[in-house]
């Protein structure tokens, strides 16, 4: 196997491990629903007058406001996940830069490169190890 092929495979595997993003970004849908709830609430408030204030049903408002609160929480979680993904992508770019630097060098084991990528390797048992990357991602491997 050629050195270039090995580098491509290595980048692919590192990318697959670090760039694992299972979440779907539906933040636009959430923002649209929040806007709909706000519009409904504004319409309800406009419909209330001094004469109808006593007939106003607070339960009609409670449900949408709880939904809005949950949607805002989910929006916050999505923003946090996006930030984490960007951090992982930055780390992946750094690793690819390191690997690209190896393109014109012979492939020899180099402890310093391994230390740049890995936090530690934990021996779980005689048949299992756990590899911990610098960004905290962990991979368990059965031997």
Foldseek 3Di string as FASTA:
>chain_A
DDPVVVLVVVLVVLCCQLQDDPDDPPLVVLVVLLVVLVVVVVVLVVPDDPVCPVVDDVVVNVVSVVVNVVSVVVSVVSVVSVVSNVVSVVLSVVLNVVSVVCPPPDDDDDPVNVVQFWPDKADPDPQKIWTATPSGRIDMDGD
